[in-house]
Amino acid sequence: MNFREKKISLPVVILLIICGIIMISTATESHADIIYTTTFYDTDYQTITYDGSGWVDINAHNSTGSLWNGFNVFLNNAPLSAYIVDSGIDAPQSSQNPLAWASSSNHFINLYFDDDPVDLDNTANFRVHIENPFGYLLSVGFYPKCPVPTAVPEASTMLLLSCILFGLLVFGKGRTLRISHV
């Protein structure tokens, strides 16, 4: 069976080829417009400058001395037209899963990954999409978040507290008995 026996017209073949090209081009993975690799020795923020619209990849190495369970990205002194995308196909991405986020404004986003923290001497990737339609020179800042340590009382503190409570209980019962006999 050859091409002429199928009786497919040339415009239909051209249309199918164009549709195939469009499908292949939209299926390709988006690339980062800027990739920044850094090491954090503390939780102070770091900044980069960016004057485009697109993906910003931040490869962050943890040398802070504690694990991270969050990462914040913000636009410093940005115009209202520039913002961090927080939904749809351009939503934030990370090597840490599952990833959740909250955006307090168009210029600030908190990324959370409590179930998969970044351990000491490990690297994590954070990807945000920034829209900057007028090409302003933006200052993009970011910093890791460490979990707040839970206060655990020492054994000696618990022993002291127990002795005080026991003493109050004994003193209170003896005093109650004397009052009831009067």
Protein backbone atom coordinates (compact mmCIF):
# COMPACT_ATOMS: atom_id res chain seq x y z
CA MET A 1 0.00 0.00 0.00
CA ASN A 2 1.55 3.30 -1.00
CA PHE A 3 0.80 6.91 -0.17
CA ARG A 4 -1.56 7.47 -3.13
CA GLU A 5 -3.75 4.47 -2.32
CA LYS A 6 -4.68 5.95 1.10
CA LYS A 7 -5.93 9.12 -0.60
CA ILE A 8 -4.67 11.44 2.15
CA SER A 9 -4.47 14.97 0.88
CA LEU A 10 -1.29 16.98 1.14
CA PRO A 11 -2.84 19.69 3.42
CA VAL A 12 -3.89 17.00 5.91
CA VAL A 13 -0.34 15.58 5.98
CA ILE A 14 1.11 19.05 6.51
CA LEU A 15 -1.39 19.71 9.31
CA LEU A 16 -0.46 16.41 11.01
CA ILE A 17 3.26 17.26 10.82
CA ILE A 18 2.67 20.72 12.32
CA CYS A 19 0.57 19.24 15.15
CA GLY A 20 3.31 16.69 15.85
CA ILE A 21 5.97 19.39 16.02
CA ILE A 22 3.84 21.46 18.41
CA MET A 23 3.23 18.43 20.66
CA ILE A 24 6.93 17.57 20.77
CA SER A 25 7.97 21.17 21.52
CA THR A 26 5.46 21.54 24.38
CA ALA A 27 6.43 18.19 25.90
CA THR A 28 10.06 19.16 26.43
CA GLU A 29 11.09 19.96 29.99
CA SER A 30 11.49 23.61 30.84
CA HIS A 31 15.06 24.74 31.37
CA ALA A 32 16.30 27.12 33.99
CA ASP A 33 16.98 30.64 32.82
CA ILE A 34 19.45 31.16 35.67
CA ILE A 35 21.14 28.57 37.88
CA TYR A 36 22.77 29.67 41.11
CA THR A 37 24.83 27.31 43.25
CA THR A 38 25.76 28.34 46.77
CA THR A 39 26.69 27.06 50.22
CA PHE A 40 24.95 28.31 53.34
CA TYR A 41 27.14 28.52 56.47
CA ASP A 42 24.35 30.24 58.41
CA THR A 43 20.73 31.19 57.76
CA ASP A 44 21.46 34.75 56.59
CA TYR A 45 19.89 35.53 53.25
CA GLN A 46 21.83 35.64 50.00
CA THR A 47 20.86 37.53 46.84
CA ILE A 48 21.34 37.38 43.11
CA THR A 49 20.32 39.90 40.45
CA TYR A 50 17.98 38.89 37.64
CA ASP A 51 16.42 40.95 34.86
CA GLY A 52 14.36 38.35 33.03
CA SER A 53 11.25 36.24 33.33
CA GLY A 54 11.54 32.51 33.81
CA TRP A 55 12.85 29.74 35.99
CA VAL A 56 15.44 30.43 38.68
CA ASP A 57 17.21 27.32 40.03
CA ILE A 58 18.95 27.58 43.38
CA ASN A 59 21.26 24.71 44.32
CA ALA A 60 21.87 25.20 48.04
CA HIS A 61 24.39 23.22 50.09
CA ASN A 62 23.69 22.91 53.82
CA SER A 63 26.71 23.75 55.99
CA THR A 64 24.71 25.53 58.71
CA GLY A 65 25.13 22.89 61.41
CA SER A 66 21.44 21.95 61.50
CA LEU A 67 18.86 20.50 59.15
CA TRP A 68 16.50 22.62 57.06
CA ASN A 69 12.76 22.09 56.83
CA GLY A 70 12.00 25.18 54.78
CA PHE A 71 13.40 27.63 52.26
CA ASN A 72 12.23 31.18 51.55
CA VAL A 73 12.52 33.08 48.28
CA PHE A 74 11.70 36.77 47.92
CA LEU A 75 11.99 39.71 45.55
CA ASN A 76 13.65 42.64 47.28
CA ASN A 77 12.21 46.10 46.42
CA ALA A 78 10.54 44.74 43.28
CA PRO A 79 7.88 46.61 41.32
CA LEU A 80 4.29 45.32 41.49
CA SER A 81 4.53 43.99 37.94
CA ALA A 82 7.19 41.45 38.98
CA TYR A 83 6.13 38.44 41.04
CA ILE A 84 6.88 34.85 42.02
CA VAL A 85 4.45 32.39 40.42
CA ASP A 86 2.82 30.15 43.04
CA SER A 87 0.28 28.09 41.07
CA GLY A 88 -0.28 26.12 37.89
CA ILE A 89 2.44 24.60 35.76
CA ASP A 90 4.93 27.26 36.92
CA ALA A 91 4.45 26.50 40.64
CA PRO A 92 7.59 26.06 42.79
CA GLN A 93 9.54 22.82 42.55
CA SER A 94 12.18 21.20 44.72
CA SER A 95 14.31 18.11 45.17
CA GLN A 96 12.63 17.78 48.58
CA ASN A 97 9.31 15.90 48.57
CA PRO A 98 6.57 16.46 49.43
CA LEU A 99 6.83 20.20 48.87
CA ALA A 100 4.26 22.66 50.19
CA TRP A 101 4.33 26.44 50.01
CA ALA A 102 2.60 29.54 51.23
CA SER A 103 2.80 32.95 49.64
CA SER A 104 2.24 35.97 51.86
CA SER A 105 2.57 38.32 48.89
CA ASN A 106 3.54 38.19 45.23
CA HIS A 107 7.10 38.97 46.30
CA PHE A 108 7.61 36.34 49.03
CA ILE A 109 7.13 32.56 49.11
CA ASN A 110 7.77 30.05 51.90
CA LEU A 111 8.65 26.52 50.79
CA TYR A 112 8.05 23.73 53.34
CA PHE A 113 9.32 20.16 53.31
CA ASP A 114 9.00 18.86 56.88
CA ASP A 115 8.89 15.20 55.81
CA ASP A 116 12.12 15.42 53.80
CA PRO A 117 14.49 17.89 55.53
CA VAL A 118 17.88 18.82 54.08
CA ASP A 119 20.51 17.21 56.31
CA LEU A 120 23.89 18.70 57.14
CA ASP A 121 26.36 18.50 54.22
CA ASN A 122 23.60 17.74 51.69
CA THR A 123 22.49 19.83 48.73
CA ALA A 124 18.92 20.62 47.72
CA ASN A 125 17.50 22.21 44.58
CA PHE A 126 14.79 24.86 44.70
CA ARG A 127 13.11 26.13 41.55
CA VAL A 128 10.82 29.15 41.31
CA HIS A 129 9.33 30.89 38.29
CA ILE A 130 9.61 34.67 38.30
CA GLU A 131 7.51 36.87 36.05
CA ASN A 132 9.16 40.18 35.23
CA PRO A 133 7.35 41.50 32.13
CA PHE A 134 9.21 44.81 31.90
CA GLY A 135 12.71 43.43 32.49
CA TYR A 136 13.48 45.30 35.71
CA LEU A 137 16.74 44.42 37.44
CA LEU A 138 15.49 42.39 40.41
CA SER A 139 17.22 41.41 43.61
CA VAL A 140 16.18 37.81 44.31
CA GLY A 141 16.87 36.80 47.90
CA PHE A 142 16.65 33.40 49.56
CA TYR A 143 17.50 31.71 52.83
CA PRO A 144 16.95 28.36 54.58
CA LYS A 145 14.65 27.81 57.54
CA CYS A 146 15.71 25.58 60.43
CA PRO A 147 13.13 23.92 62.68
CA VAL A 148 12.66 25.49 66.09
CA PRO A 149 14.12 23.09 68.64
CA THR A 150 11.67 21.64 71.13
CA ALA A 151 12.51 22.45 74.74
CA VAL A 152 13.04 19.25 76.72
CA PRO A 153 13.54 19.66 80.48
CA GLU A 154 16.56 17.98 82.04
CA ALA A 155 16.09 15.05 84.41
CA SER A 156 17.31 17.06 87.42
CA THR A 157 14.71 19.77 86.69
CA MET A 158 11.97 17.16 86.55
CA LEU A 159 13.20 15.63 89.84
CA LEU A 160 13.21 19.04 91.56
CA LEU A 161 9.73 19.82 90.25
CA SER A 162 8.45 16.42 91.42
CA CYS A 163 9.90 16.95 94.94
CA ILE A 164 8.29 20.39 95.19
CA LEU A 165 4.91 19.04 94.07
CA PHE A 166 5.19 16.11 96.49
CA GLY A 167 6.09 18.49 99.33
CA LEU A 168 3.14 20.74 98.53
CA LEU A 169 0.85 17.74 98.41
CA VAL A 170 2.05 16.43 101.81
CA PHE A 171 2.01 19.90 103.39
CA GLY A 172 -1.44 20.62 101.94
CA LYS A 173 -2.95 17.36 103.21
CA GLY A 174 -1.55 17.87 106.73
CA ARG A 175 -2.88 21.42 106.81
CA THR A 176 -6.30 20.30 105.54
CA LEU A 177 -6.51 17.65 108.25
CA ARG A 178 -5.72 20.19 110.98
CA ILE A 179 -8.33 22.62 109.70
CA SER A 180 -10.99 19.95 109.56
CA HIS A 181 -10.39 19.01 113.26
CA VAL A 182 -10.94 22.53 114.54
